[in-house]
Amino acid sequence: MSSRTNILIIDDNPVHLEIYRMIVEKAGFVALPALVTHSGLEFPDGEPVHAVLLDYRLAPNISAYEVALKVRGRYPSTPIVILSDMYDPPADTAPLVQGFVRKGNPEKLLSTLSELTRHLA
């Protein structure tokens, strides 16, 4: 992993953003939290994004699928990892993402992010 591997973390819950920020930063990644609000999502300016961690269950005004499409438009080749409490990857986002991790498994989350960003080392 390079010295600045940036992970964009997208969630509609500020507490979850903080939890995942701490997890990825403890592992040596740089967290770029992005809160989904009733007015949408703002991407960080001026920072490269090497991987995206996207919560599947978002606010009612926007779906993970819609956010994944926005991510693809802004960062076409950046891997996206869906984070969900579901047992199987959601079918709607499957064509847009490179990883799926169940919530509550930080080891799997970090190994998936490491695998998807290993080319940066």
PDB file of N, CA and C in Angstrom:
ATOM      1  N   MET A   1       0.853  -1.171   0.000  1.00  0.00           N
ATOM      2  CA  MET A   1       0.000   0.000   0.000  1.00  0.00           C
ATOM      3  C   MET A   1       0.896   1.230   0.000  1.00  0.00           C
ATOM      4  N   SER A   2       0.604   2.197  -0.845  1.00  0.00           N
ATOM      5  CA  SER A   2       1.384   3.424  -0.891  1.00  0.00           C
ATOM      6  C   SER A   2       1.134   4.228   0.373  1.00  0.00           C
ATOM      7  N   SER A   3       1.917   5.307   0.555  1.00  0.00           N
ATOM      8  CA  SER A   3       1.782   6.081   1.781  1.00  0.00           C
ATOM      9  C   SER A   3       0.466   6.857   1.834  1.00  0.00           C
ATOM     10  N   ARG A   4      -0.199   7.043   0.703  1.00  0.00           N
ATOM     11  CA  ARG A   4      -1.487   7.763   0.715  1.00  0.00           C
ATOM     12  C   ARG A   4      -2.492   7.027  -0.157  1.00  0.00           C
ATOM     13  N   THR A   5      -3.038   5.966   0.368  1.00  0.00           N
ATOM     14  CA  THR A   5      -4.095   5.247  -0.326  1.00  0.00           C
ATOM     15  C   THR A   5      -5.410   5.757   0.234  1.00  0.00           C
ATOM     16  N   ASN A   6      -6.117   6.523  -0.575  1.00  0.00           N
ATOM     17  CA  ASN A   6      -7.336   7.200  -0.132  1.00  0.00           C
ATOM     18  C   ASN A   6      -8.571   6.341  -0.372  1.00  0.00           C
ATOM     19  N   ILE A   7      -9.365   6.190   0.693  1.00  0.00           N
ATOM     20  CA  ILE A   7     -10.605   5.432   0.627  1.00  0.00           C
ATOM     21  C   ILE A   7     -11.765   6.394   0.846  1.00  0.00           C
ATOM     22  N   LEU A   8     -12.609   6.545  -0.156  1.00  0.00           N
ATOM     23  CA  LEU A   8     -13.817   7.354  -0.039  1.00  0.00           C
ATOM     24  C   LEU A   8     -14.882   6.503   0.642  1.00  0.00           C
ATOM     25  N   ILE A   9     -15.366   6.962   1.787  1.00  0.00           N
ATOM     26  CA  ILE A   9     -16.373   6.233   2.551  1.00  0.00           C
ATOM     27  C   ILE A   9     -17.696   6.995   2.435  1.00  0.00           C
ATOM     28  N   ILE A  10     -18.712   6.326   1.892  1.00  0.00           N
ATOM     29  CA  ILE A  10     -20.000   6.973   1.643  1.00  0.00           C
ATOM     30  C   ILE A  10     -21.067   6.305   2.501  1.00  0.00           C
ATOM     31  N   ASP A  11     -21.725   7.118   3.320  1.00  0.00           N
ATOM     32  CA  ASP A  11     -22.785   6.613   4.200  1.00  0.00           C
ATOM     33  C   ASP A  11     -23.717   7.771   4.528  1.00  0.00           C
ATOM     34  N   ASP A  12     -24.931   7.446   4.967  1.00  0.00           N
ATOM     35  CA  ASP A  12     -25.872   8.489   5.375  1.00  0.00           C
ATOM     36  C   ASP A  12     -25.935   8.636   6.888  1.00  0.00           C
ATOM     37  N   ASN A  13     -25.113   7.894   7.602  1.00  0.00           N
ATOM     38  CA  ASN A  13     -25.091   7.947   9.057  1.00  0.00           C
ATOM     39  C   ASN A  13     -23.720   8.443   9.520  1.00  0.00           C
ATOM     40  N   PRO A  14     -23.653   9.615  10.158  1.00  0.00           N
ATOM     41  CA  PRO A  14     -22.369  10.158  10.598  1.00  0.00           C
ATOM     42  C   PRO A  14     -21.620   9.244  11.571  1.00  0.00           C
ATOM     43  N   VAL A  15     -22.355   8.514  12.393  1.00  0.00           N
ATOM     44  CA  VAL A  15     -21.711   7.586  13.335  1.00  0.00           C
ATOM     45  C   VAL A  15     -21.017   6.461  12.570  1.00  0.00           C
ATOM     46  N   HIS A  16     -21.679   5.927  11.563  1.00  0.00           N
ATOM     47  CA  HIS A  16     -21.073   4.865  10.752  1.00  0.00           C
ATOM     48  C   HIS A  16     -19.854   5.394   9.999  1.00  0.00           C
ATOM     49  N   LEU A  17     -19.955   6.612   9.476  1.00  0.00           N
ATOM     50  CA  LEU A  17     -18.797   7.212   8.804  1.00  0.00           C
ATOM     51  C   LEU A  17     -17.600   7.262   9.746  1.00  0.00           C
ATOM     52  N   GLU A  18     -17.828   7.650  10.975  1.00  0.00           N
ATOM     53  CA  GLU A  18     -16.744   7.748  11.948  1.00  0.00           C
ATOM     54  C   GLU A  18     -16.166   6.366  12.278  1.00  0.00           C
ATOM     55  N   ILE A  19     -17.030   5.379  12.442  1.00  0.00           N
ATOM     56  CA  ILE A  19     -16.558   4.019  12.731  1.00  0.00           C
ATOM     57  C   ILE A  19     -15.680   3.507  11.601  1.00  0.00           C
ATOM     58  N   TYR A  20     -16.151   3.640  10.366  1.00  0.00           N
ATOM     59  CA  TYR A  20     -15.365   3.131   9.236  1.00  0.00           C
ATOM     60  C   TYR A  20     -14.131   3.982   8.981  1.00  0.00           C
ATOM     61  N   ARG A  21     -14.197   5.272   9.288  1.00  0.00           N
ATOM     62  CA  ARG A  21     -13.003   6.110   9.191  1.00  0.00           C
ATOM     63  C   ARG A  21     -11.927   5.574  10.122  1.00  0.00           C
ATOM     64  N   MET A  22     -12.298   5.288  11.362  1.00  0.00           N
ATOM     65  CA  MET A  22     -11.324   4.775  12.327  1.00  0.00           C
ATOM     66  C   MET A  22     -10.753   3.435  11.889  1.00  0.00           C
ATOM     67  N   ILE A  23     -11.594   2.557  11.364  1.00  0.00           N
ATOM     68  CA  ILE A  23     -11.130   1.233  10.921  1.00  0.00           C
ATOM     69  C   ILE A  23     -10.113   1.366   9.796  1.00  0.00           C
ATOM     70  N   VAL A  24     -10.433   2.146   8.763  1.00  0.00           N
ATOM     71  CA  VAL A  24      -9.511   2.218   7.621  1.00  0.00           C
ATOM     72  C   VAL A  24      -8.246   3.000   7.970  1.00  0.00           C
ATOM     73  N   GLU A  25      -8.364   4.023   8.810  1.00  0.00           N
ATOM     74  CA  GLU A  25      -7.168   4.781   9.174  1.00  0.00           C
ATOM     75  C   GLU A  25      -6.246   3.974  10.076  1.00  0.00           C
ATOM     76  N   LYS A  26      -6.802   3.166  10.949  1.00  0.00           N
ATOM     77  CA  LYS A  26      -5.978   2.314  11.804  1.00  0.00           C
ATOM     78  C   LYS A  26      -5.163   1.333  10.963  1.00  0.00           C
ATOM     79  N   ALA A  27      -5.697   0.963   9.809  1.00  0.00           N
ATOM     80  CA  ALA A  27      -5.010   0.045   8.902  1.00  0.00           C
ATOM     81  C   ALA A  27      -4.030   0.763   7.972  1.00  0.00           C
ATOM     82  N   GLY A  28      -3.942   2.090   8.083  1.00  0.00           N
ATOM     83  CA  GLY A  28      -2.976   2.823   7.276  1.00  0.00           C
ATOM     84  C   GLY A  28      -3.529   3.513   6.047  1.00  0.00           C
ATOM     85  N   PHE A  29      -4.809   3.371   5.789  1.00  0.00           N
ATOM     86  CA  PHE A  29      -5.438   4.076   4.683  1.00  0.00           C
ATOM     87  C   PHE A  29      -5.771   5.503   5.116  1.00  0.00           C
ATOM     88  N   VAL A  30      -6.032   6.358   4.145  1.00  0.00           N
ATOM     89  CA  VAL A  30      -6.540   7.703   4.407  1.00  0.00           C
ATOM     90  C   VAL A  30      -8.032   7.687   4.121  1.00  0.00           C
ATOM     91  N   ALA A  31      -8.831   8.055   5.115  1.00  0.00           N
ATOM     92  CA  ALA A  31     -10.288   8.061   4.956  1.00  0.00           C
ATOM     93  C   ALA A  31     -10.758   9.402   4.429  1.00  0.00           C
ATOM     94  N   LEU A  32     -11.642   9.349   3.438  1.00  0.00           N
ATOM     95  CA  LEU A  32     -12.298  10.536   2.899  1.00  0.00           C
ATOM     96  C   LEU A  32     -13.799  10.343   3.097  1.00  0.00           C
ATOM     97  N   PRO A  33     -14.342  10.745   4.253  1.00  0.00           N
ATOM     98  CA  PRO A  33     -15.759  10.534   4.516  1.00  0.00           C
ATOM     99  C   PRO A  33     -16.645  11.437   3.661  1.00  0.00           C
ATOM    100  N   ALA A  34     -17.741  10.874   3.173  1.00  0.00           N
ATOM    101  CA  ALA A  34     -18.714  11.628   2.383  1.00  0.00           C
ATOM    102  C   ALA A  34     -20.101  11.270   2.906  1.00  0.00           C
ATOM    103  N   LEU A  35     -20.755  12.239   3.496  1.00  0.00           N
ATOM    104  CA  LEU A  35     -22.073  12.027   4.080  1.00  0.00           C
ATOM    105  C   LEU A  35     -23.160  12.230   3.031  1.00  0.00           C
ATOM    106  N   VAL A  36     -24.040  11.254   2.898  1.00  0.00           N
ATOM    107  CA  VAL A  36     -25.208  11.379   2.038  1.00  0.00           C
ATOM    108  C   VAL A  36     -26.282  12.090   2.856  1.00  0.00           C
ATOM    109  N   THR A  37     -26.796  13.188   2.324  1.00  0.00           N
ATOM    110  CA  THR A  37     -27.830  13.955   3.022  1.00  0.00           C
ATOM    111  C   THR A  37     -29.079  14.024   2.155  1.00  0.00           C
ATOM    112  N   HIS A  38     -30.102  14.700   2.656  1.00  0.00           N
ATOM    113  CA  HIS A  38     -31.337  14.858   1.885  1.00  0.00           C
ATOM    114  C   HIS A  38     -31.091  15.614   0.584  1.00  0.00           C
ATOM    115  N   SER A  39     -30.015  16.396   0.535  1.00  0.00           N
ATOM    116  CA  SER A  39     -29.724  17.140  -0.691  1.00  0.00           C
ATOM    117  C   SER A  39     -28.747  16.414  -1.617  1.00  0.00           C
ATOM    118  N   GLY A  40     -28.300  15.238  -1.225  1.00  0.00           N
ATOM    119  CA  GLY A  40     -27.434  14.461  -2.101  1.00  0.00           C
ATOM    120  C   GLY A  40     -26.096  14.119  -1.477  1.00  0.00           C
ATOM    121  N   LEU A  41     -25.073  14.124  -2.314  1.00  0.00           N
ATOM    122  CA  LEU A  41     -23.735  13.697  -1.924  1.00  0.00           C
ATOM    123  C   LEU A  41     -22.723  14.639  -2.535  1.00  0.00           C
ATOM    124  N   GLU A  42     -21.751  15.054  -1.749  1.00  0.00           N
ATOM    125  CA  GLU A  42     -20.655  15.870  -2.265  1.00  0.00           C
ATOM    126  C   GLU A  42     -19.375  15.060  -2.213  1.00  0.00           C
ATOM    127  N   PHE A  43     -18.679  15.018  -3.346  1.00  0.00           N
ATOM    128  CA  PHE A  43     -17.403  14.315  -3.414  1.00  0.00           C
ATOM    129  C   PHE A  43     -16.288  15.236  -2.933  1.00  0.00           C
ATOM    130  N   PRO A  44     -15.219  14.659  -2.384  1.00  0.00           N
ATOM    131  CA  PRO A  44     -14.095  15.486  -1.958  1.00  0.00           C
ATOM    132  C   PRO A  44     -13.391  16.099  -3.171  1.00  0.00           C
ATOM    133  N   ASP A  45     -12.997  17.338  -3.045  1.00  0.00           N
ATOM    134  CA  ASP A  45     -12.280  18.008  -4.131  1.00  0.00           C
ATOM    135  C   ASP A  45     -10.781  17.901  -3.918  1.00  0.00           C
ATOM    136  N   GLY A  46     -10.062  17.706  -4.999  1.00  0.00           N
ATOM    137  CA  GLY A  46      -8.613  17.755  -4.962  1.00  0.00           C
ATOM    138  C   GLY A  46      -7.919  16.542  -4.405  1.00  0.00           C
ATOM    139  N   GLU A  47      -8.638  15.526  -4.016  1.00  0.00           N
ATOM    140  CA  GLU A  47      -8.026  14.315  -3.472  1.00  0.00           C
ATOM    141  C   GLU A  47      -8.256  13.156  -4.433  1.00  0.00           C
ATOM    142  N   PRO A  48      -7.195  12.404  -4.763  1.00  0.00           N
ATOM    143  CA  PRO A  48      -7.427  11.197  -5.555  1.00  0.00           C
ATOM    144  C   PRO A  48      -8.173  10.167  -4.712  1.00  0.00           C
ATOM    145  N   VAL A  49      -8.984   9.360  -5.346  1.00  0.00           N
ATOM    146  CA  VAL A  49      -9.720   8.299  -4.662  1.00  0.00           C
ATOM    147  C   VAL A  49      -9.256   6.973  -5.249  1.00  0.00           C
ATOM    148  N   HIS A  50      -8.749   6.102  -4.373  1.00  0.00           N
ATOM    149  CA  HIS A  50      -8.206   4.823  -4.820  1.00  0.00           C
ATOM    150  C   HIS A  50      -9.181   3.661  -4.665  1.00  0.00           C
ATOM    151  N   ALA A  51     -10.155   3.820  -3.776  1.00  0.00           N
ATOM    152  CA  ALA A  51     -11.223   2.830  -3.597  1.00  0.00           C
ATOM    153  C   ALA A  51     -12.382   3.524  -2.895  1.00  0.00           C
ATOM    154  N   VAL A  52     -13.575   2.958  -3.080  1.00  0.00           N
ATOM    155  CA  VAL A  52     -14.783   3.524  -2.490  1.00  0.00           C
ATOM    156  C   VAL A  52     -15.452   2.454  -1.640  1.00  0.00           C
ATOM    157  N   LEU A  53     -15.810   2.831  -0.430  1.00  0.00           N
ATOM    158  CA  LEU A  53     -16.589   1.981   0.459  1.00  0.00           C
ATOM    159  C   LEU A  53     -17.983   2.604   0.530  1.00  0.00           C
ATOM    160  N   LEU A  54     -18.984   1.880   0.039  1.00  0.00           N
ATOM    161  CA  LEU A  54     -20.337   2.414  -0.103  1.00  0.00           C
ATOM    162  C   LEU A  54     -21.330   1.589   0.706  1.00  0.00           C
ATOM    163  N   ASP A  55     -21.988   2.241   1.668  1.00  0.00           N
ATOM    164  CA  ASP A  55     -23.051   1.579   2.421  1.00  0.00           C
ATOM    165  C   ASP A  55     -24.223   1.324   1.480  1.00  0.00           C
ATOM    166  N   TYR A  56     -24.826   0.147   1.602  1.00  0.00           N
ATOM    167  CA  TYR A  56     -25.916  -0.185   0.686  1.00  0.00           C
ATOM    168  C   TYR A  56     -27.231   0.472   1.072  1.00  0.00           C
ATOM    169  N   ARG A  57     -27.534   0.520   2.335  1.00  0.00           N
ATOM    170  CA  ARG A  57     -28.811   1.102   2.771  1.00  0.00           C
ATOM    171  C   ARG A  57     -28.606   2.576   3.095  1.00  0.00           C
ATOM    172  N   LEU A  58     -29.118   3.418   2.210  1.00  0.00           N
ATOM    173  CA  LEU A  58     -28.961   4.863   2.356  1.00  0.00           C
ATOM    174  C   LEU A  58     -30.313   5.518   2.615  1.00  0.00           C
ATOM    175  N   ALA A  59     -30.274   6.821   2.733  1.00  0.00           N
ATOM    176  CA  ALA A  59     -31.493   7.608   2.947  1.00  0.00           C
ATOM    177  C   ALA A  59     -32.496   7.329   1.826  1.00  0.00           C
ATOM    178  N   PRO A  60     -33.785   7.514   2.116  1.00  0.00           N
ATOM    179  CA  PRO A  60     -34.811   7.193   1.120  1.00  0.00           C
ATOM    180  C   PRO A  60     -34.723   8.007  -0.171  1.00  0.00           C
ATOM    181  N   ASN A  61     -34.051   9.137  -0.142  1.00  0.00           N
ATOM    182  CA  ASN A  61     -34.012   9.986  -1.334  1.00  0.00           C
ATOM    183  C   ASN A  61     -32.981   9.548  -2.371  1.00  0.00           C
ATOM    184  N   ILE A  62     -32.087   8.602  -2.008  1.00  0.00           N
ATOM    185  CA  ILE A  62     -31.080   8.151  -2.974  1.00  0.00           C
ATOM    186  C   ILE A  62     -30.693   6.714  -2.644  1.00  0.00           C
ATOM    187  N   SER A  63     -30.487   5.928  -3.676  1.00  0.00           N
ATOM    188  CA  SER A  63     -30.137   4.517  -3.476  1.00  0.00           C
ATOM    189  C   SER A  63     -28.635   4.313  -3.675  1.00  0.00           C
ATOM    190  N   ALA A  64     -28.146   3.199  -3.184  1.00  0.00           N
ATOM    191  CA  ALA A  64     -26.740   2.845  -3.388  1.00  0.00           C
ATOM    192  C   ALA A  64     -26.444   2.697  -4.884  1.00  0.00           C
ATOM    193  N   TYR A  65     -27.406   2.192  -5.623  1.00  0.00           N
ATOM    194  CA  TYR A  65     -27.234   2.071  -7.075  1.00  0.00           C
ATOM    195  C   TYR A  65     -27.008   3.444  -7.707  1.00  0.00           C
ATOM    196  N   GLU A  66     -27.828   4.427  -7.318  1.00  0.00           N
ATOM    197  CA  GLU A  66     -27.668   5.783  -7.859  1.00  0.00           C
ATOM    198  C   GLU A  66     -26.320   6.390  -7.462  1.00  0.00           C
ATOM    199  N   VAL A  67     -25.916   6.157  -6.222  1.00  0.00           N
ATOM    200  CA  VAL A  67     -24.616   6.664  -5.773  1.00  0.00           C
ATOM    201  C   VAL A  67     -23.492   5.968  -6.533  1.00  0.00           C
ATOM    202  N   ALA A  68     -23.601   4.658  -6.724  1.00  0.00           N
ATOM    203  CA  ALA A  68     -22.579   3.926  -7.479  1.00  0.00           C
ATOM    204  C   ALA A  68     -22.461   4.464  -8.904  1.00  0.00           C
ATOM    205  N   LEU A  69     -23.579   4.812  -9.525  1.00  0.00           N
ATOM    206  CA  LEU A  69     -23.530   5.417 -10.861  1.00  0.00           C
ATOM    207  C   LEU A  69     -22.797   6.759 -10.830  1.00  0.00           C
ATOM    208  N   LYS A  70     -23.053   7.568  -9.800  1.00  0.00           N
ATOM    209  CA  LYS A  70     -22.351   8.849  -9.661  1.00  0.00           C
ATOM    210  C   LYS A  70     -20.858   8.634  -9.455  1.00  0.00           C
ATOM    211  N   VAL A  71     -20.512   7.638  -8.639  1.00  0.00           N
ATOM    212  CA  VAL A  71     -19.101   7.321  -8.406  1.00  0.00           C
ATOM    213  C   VAL A  71     -18.445   6.900  -9.717  1.00  0.00           C
ATOM    214  N   ARG A  72     -19.115   6.025 -10.476  1.00  0.00           N
ATOM    215  CA  ARG A  72     -18.577   5.580 -11.773  1.00  0.00           C
ATOM    216  C   ARG A  72     -18.358   6.763 -12.713  1.00  0.00           C
ATOM    217  N   GLY A  73     -19.280   7.728 -12.694  1.00  0.00           N
ATOM    218  CA  GLY A  73     -19.141   8.903 -13.544  1.00  0.00           C
ATOM    219  C   GLY A  73     -17.957   9.765 -13.155  1.00  0.00           C
ATOM    220  N   ARG A  74     -17.690   9.852 -11.882  1.00  0.00           N
ATOM    221  CA  ARG A  74     -16.605  10.711 -11.388  1.00  0.00           C
ATOM    222  C   ARG A  74     -15.263   9.982 -11.347  1.00  0.00           C
ATOM    223  N   TYR A  75     -15.286   8.713 -10.958  1.00  0.00           N
ATOM    224  CA  TYR A  75     -14.061   7.906 -10.824  1.00  0.00           C
ATOM    225  C   TYR A  75     -14.253   6.601 -11.603  1.00  0.00           C
ATOM    226  N   PRO A  76     -14.150   6.644 -12.923  1.00  0.00           N
ATOM    227  CA  PRO A  76     -14.533   5.499 -13.759  1.00  0.00           C
ATOM    228  C   PRO A  76     -13.829   4.175 -13.448  1.00  0.00           C
ATOM    229  N   SER A  77     -12.559   4.212 -13.065  1.00  0.00           N
ATOM    230  CA  SER A  77     -11.840   2.952 -12.863  1.00  0.00           C
ATOM    231  C   SER A  77     -11.569   2.635 -11.391  1.00  0.00           C
ATOM    232  N   THR A  78     -12.152   3.414 -10.492  1.00  0.00           N
ATOM    233  CA  THR A  78     -11.923   3.200  -9.067  1.00  0.00           C
ATOM    234  C   THR A  78     -12.816   2.077  -8.549  1.00  0.00           C
ATOM    235  N   PRO A  79     -12.230   1.095  -7.848  1.00  0.00           N
ATOM    236  CA  PRO A  79     -13.054  -0.003  -7.331  1.00  0.00           C
ATOM    237  C   PRO A  79     -14.019   0.468  -6.243  1.00  0.00           C
ATOM    238  N   ILE A  80     -15.219  -0.109  -6.270  1.00  0.00           N
ATOM    239  CA  ILE A  80     -16.259   0.180  -5.293  1.00  0.00           C
ATOM    240  C   ILE A  80     -16.523  -1.100  -4.498  1.00  0.00           C
ATOM    241  N   VAL A  81     -16.591  -0.954  -3.182  1.00  0.00           N
ATOM    242  CA  VAL A  81     -16.933  -2.061  -2.294  1.00  0.00           C
ATOM    243  C   VAL A  81     -18.249  -1.715  -1.611  1.00  0.00           C
ATOM    244  N   ILE A  82     -19.236  -2.604  -1.744  1.00  0.00           N
ATOM    245  CA  ILE A  82     -20.518  -2.425  -1.071  1.00  0.00           C
ATOM    246  C   ILE A  82     -20.401  -2.996   0.337  1.00  0.00           C
ATOM    247  N   LEU A  83     -20.891  -2.238   1.289  1.00  0.00           N
ATOM    248  CA  LEU A  83     -20.950  -2.659   2.676  1.00  0.00           C
ATOM    249  C   LEU A  83     -22.425  -2.831   3.032  1.00  0.00           C
ATOM    250  N   SER A  84     -22.811  -4.027   3.490  1.00  0.00           N
ATOM    251  CA  SER A  84     -24.226  -4.295   3.718  1.00  0.00           C
ATOM    252  C   SER A  84     -24.423  -5.305   4.829  1.00  0.00           C
ATOM    253  N   ASP A  85     -25.626  -5.309   5.393  1.00  0.00           N
ATOM    254  CA  ASP A  85     -25.984  -6.334   6.361  1.00  0.00           C
ATOM    255  C   ASP A  85     -26.644  -7.533   5.674  1.00  0.00           C
ATOM    256  N   MET A  86     -26.765  -7.479   4.359  1.00  0.00           N
ATOM    257  CA  MET A  86     -27.335  -8.588   3.589  1.00  0.00           C
ATOM    258  C   MET A  86     -26.304  -9.713   3.480  1.00  0.00           C
ATOM    259  N   TYR A  87     -26.772 -10.926   3.217  1.00  0.00           N
ATOM    260  CA  TYR A  87     -25.863 -12.070   3.104  1.00  0.00           C
ATOM    261  C   TYR A  87     -25.243 -12.205   1.725  1.00  0.00           C
ATOM    262  N   ASP A  88     -25.913 -11.700   0.720  1.00  0.00           N
ATOM    263  CA  ASP A  88     -25.422 -11.811  -0.654  1.00  0.00           C
ATOM    264  C   ASP A  88     -25.301 -10.428  -1.271  1.00  0.00           C
ATOM    265  N   PRO A  89     -24.401 -10.274  -2.225  1.00  0.00           N
ATOM    266  CA  PRO A  89     -24.274  -8.970  -2.893  1.00  0.00           C
ATOM    267  C   PRO A  89     -25.598  -8.572  -3.557  1.00  0.00           C
ATOM    268  N   PRO A  90     -25.999  -7.332  -3.392  1.00  0.00           N
ATOM    269  CA  PRO A  90     -27.241  -6.865  -4.027  1.00  0.00           C
ATOM    270  C   PRO A  90     -27.133  -6.909  -5.549  1.00  0.00           C
ATOM    271  N   ALA A  91     -28.139  -7.459  -6.191  1.00  0.00           N
ATOM    272  CA  ALA A  91     -28.117  -7.640  -7.643  1.00  0.00           C
ATOM    273  C   ALA A  91     -28.072  -6.320  -8.394  1.00  0.00           C
ATOM    274  N   ASP A  92     -28.716  -5.276  -7.867  1.00  0.00           N
ATOM    275  CA  ASP A  92     -28.776  -4.026  -8.616  1.00  0.00           C
ATOM    276  C   ASP A  92     -27.403  -3.359  -8.759  1.00  0.00           C
ATOM    277  N   THR A  93     -26.554  -3.487  -7.754  1.00  0.00           N
ATOM    278  CA  THR A  93     -25.246  -2.831  -7.824  1.00  0.00           C
ATOM    279  C   THR A  93     -24.134  -3.747  -8.342  1.00  0.00           C
ATOM    280  N   ALA A  94     -24.403  -5.040  -8.467  1.00  0.00           N
ATOM    281  CA  ALA A  94     -23.367  -6.004  -8.847  1.00  0.00           C
ATOM    282  C   ALA A  94     -22.561  -5.608 -10.086  1.00  0.00           C
ATOM    283  N   PRO A  95     -23.179  -5.089 -11.147  1.00  0.00           N
ATOM    284  CA  PRO A  95     -22.384  -4.738 -12.326  1.00  0.00           C
ATOM    285  C   PRO A  95     -21.451  -3.538 -12.115  1.00  0.00           C
ATOM    286  N   LEU A  96     -21.677  -2.783 -11.047  1.00  0.00           N
ATOM    287  CA  LEU A  96     -20.919  -1.550 -10.834  1.00  0.00           C
ATOM    288  C   LEU A  96     -19.817  -1.670  -9.789  1.00  0.00           C
ATOM    289  N   VAL A  97     -19.781  -2.780  -9.063  1.00  0.00           N
ATOM    290  CA  VAL A  97     -18.863  -2.878  -7.934  1.00  0.00           C
ATOM    291  C   VAL A  97     -17.876  -4.036  -8.092  1.00  0.00           C
ATOM    292  N   GLN A  98     -16.783  -3.938  -7.331  1.00  0.00           N
ATOM    293  CA  GLN A  98     -15.747  -4.959  -7.374  1.00  0.00           C
ATOM    294  C   GLN A  98     -15.657  -5.763  -6.081  1.00  0.00           C
ATOM    295  N   GLY A  99     -16.424  -5.358  -5.059  1.00  0.00           N
ATOM    296  CA  GLY A  99     -16.353  -6.070  -3.796  1.00  0.00           C
ATOM    297  C   GLY A  99     -17.631  -5.943  -3.000  1.00  0.00           C
ATOM    298  N   PHE A 100     -17.825  -6.902  -2.093  1.00  0.00           N
ATOM    299  CA  PHE A 100     -18.971  -6.922  -1.197  1.00  0.00           C
ATOM    300  C   PHE A 100     -18.501  -7.436   0.152  1.00  0.00           C
ATOM    301  N   VAL A 101     -18.828  -6.696   1.217  1.00  0.00           N
ATOM    302  CA  VAL A 101     -18.442  -7.089   2.565  1.00  0.00           C
ATOM    303  C   VAL A 101     -19.650  -6.911   3.476  1.00  0.00           C
ATOM    304  N   ARG A 102     -19.923  -7.946   4.270  1.00  0.00           N
ATOM    305  CA  ARG A 102     -20.989  -7.824   5.272  1.00  0.00           C
ATOM    306  C   ARG A 102     -20.514  -6.948   6.415  1.00  0.00           C
ATOM    307  N   LYS A 103     -21.427  -6.139   6.947  1.00  0.00           N
ATOM    308  CA  LYS A 103     -21.104  -5.295   8.093  1.00  0.00           C
ATOM    309  C   LYS A 103     -20.684  -6.171   9.270  1.00  0.00           C
ATOM    310  N   GLY A 104     -19.823  -5.618  10.114  1.00  0.00           N
ATOM    311  CA  GLY A 104     -19.376  -6.352  11.286  1.00  0.00           C
ATOM    312  C   GLY A 104     -18.187  -7.247  11.037  1.00  0.00           C
ATOM    313  N   ASN A 105     -17.548  -7.108   9.882  1.00  0.00           N
ATOM    314  CA  ASN A 105     -16.392  -7.932   9.553  1.00  0.00           C
ATOM    315  C   ASN A 105     -15.239  -7.026   9.097  1.00  0.00           C
ATOM    316  N   PRO A 106     -14.626  -6.278  10.045  1.00  0.00           N
ATOM    317  CA  PRO A 106     -13.580  -5.340   9.651  1.00  0.00           C
ATOM    318  C   PRO A 106     -12.364  -6.013   9.016  1.00  0.00           C
ATOM    319  N   GLU A 107     -12.059  -7.245   9.421  1.00  0.00           N
ATOM    320  CA  GLU A 107     -10.915  -7.940   8.820  1.00  0.00           C
ATOM    321  C   GLU A 107     -11.144  -8.180   7.331  1.00  0.00           C
ATOM    322  N   LYS A 108     -12.349  -8.635   6.990  1.00  0.00           N
ATOM    323  CA  LYS A 108     -12.693  -8.854   5.573  1.00  0.00           C
ATOM    324  C   LYS A 108     -12.704  -7.529   4.813  1.00  0.00           C
ATOM    325  N   LEU A 109     -13.230  -6.492   5.447  1.00  0.00           N
ATOM    326  CA  LEU A 109     -13.247  -5.171   4.822  1.00  0.00           C
ATOM    327  C   LEU A 109     -11.835  -4.722   4.482  1.00  0.00           C
ATOM    328  N   LEU A 110     -10.935  -4.810   5.441  1.00  0.00           N
ATOM    329  CA  LEU A 110      -9.559  -4.352   5.218  1.00  0.00           C
ATOM    330  C   LEU A 110      -8.823  -5.226   4.215  1.00  0.00           C
ATOM    331  N   SER A 111      -9.056  -6.533   4.254  1.00  0.00           N
ATOM    332  CA  SER A 111      -8.386  -7.395   3.271  1.00  0.00           C
ATOM    333  C   SER A 111      -8.903  -7.117   1.865  1.00  0.00           C
ATOM    334  N   THR A 112     -10.206  -6.827   1.733  1.00  0.00           N
ATOM    335  CA  THR A 112     -10.770  -6.497   0.427  1.00  0.00           C
ATOM    336  C   THR A 112     -10.193  -5.183  -0.093  1.00  0.00           C
ATOM    337  N   LEU A 113     -10.138  -4.171   0.762  1.00  0.00           N
ATOM    338  CA  LEU A 113      -9.555  -2.884   0.344  1.00  0.00           C
ATOM    339  C   LEU A 113      -8.078  -3.037  -0.020  1.00  0.00           C
ATOM    340  N   SER A 114      -7.347  -3.820   0.763  1.00  0.00           N
ATOM    341  CA  SER A 114      -5.930  -4.045   0.464  1.00  0.00           C
ATOM    342  C   SER A 114      -5.757  -4.734  -0.874  1.00  0.00           C
ATOM    343  N   GLU A 115      -6.572  -5.751  -1.124  1.00  0.00           N
ATOM    344  CA  GLU A 115      -6.503  -6.481  -2.387  1.00  0.00           C
ATOM    345  C   GLU A 115      -6.808  -5.574  -3.581  1.00  0.00           C
ATOM    346  N   LEU A 116      -7.842  -4.738  -3.444  1.00  0.00           N
ATOM    347  CA  LEU A 116      -8.239  -3.866  -4.543  1.00  0.00           C
ATOM    348  C   LEU A 116      -7.272  -2.711  -4.788  1.00  0.00           C
ATOM    349  N   THR A 117      -6.437  -2.374  -3.800  1.00  0.00           N
ATOM    350  CA  THR A 117      -5.509  -1.258  -3.957  1.00  0.00           C
ATOM    351  C   THR A 117      -4.049  -1.713  -3.965  1.00  0.00           C
ATOM    352  N   ARG A 118      -3.796  -3.001  -4.010  1.00  0.00           N
ATOM    353  CA  ARG A 118      -2.413  -3.511  -3.935  1.00  0.00           C
ATOM    354  C   ARG A 118      -1.551  -3.033  -5.101  1.00  0.00           C
ATOM    355  N   HIS A 119      -2.156  -2.738  -6.228  1.00  0.00           N
ATOM    356  CA  HIS A 119      -1.399  -2.251  -7.387  1.00  0.00           C
ATOM    357  C   HIS A 119      -0.766  -0.888  -7.135  1.00  0.00           C
ATOM    358  N   LEU A 120      -1.186  -0.213  -6.076  1.00  0.00           N
ATOM    359  CA  LEU A 120      -0.646   1.117  -5.755  1.00  0.00           C
ATOM    360  C   LEU A 120       0.659   1.017  -4.985  1.00  0.00           C
ATOM    361  N   ALA A 121       0.968  -0.180  -4.481  1.00  0.00           N
ATOM    362  CA  ALA A 121       2.177  -0.352  -3.652  1.00  0.00           C
ATOM    363  C   ALA A 121       3.438  -0.188  -4.471  1.00  0.00           C
TER     364      ALA A 121
END
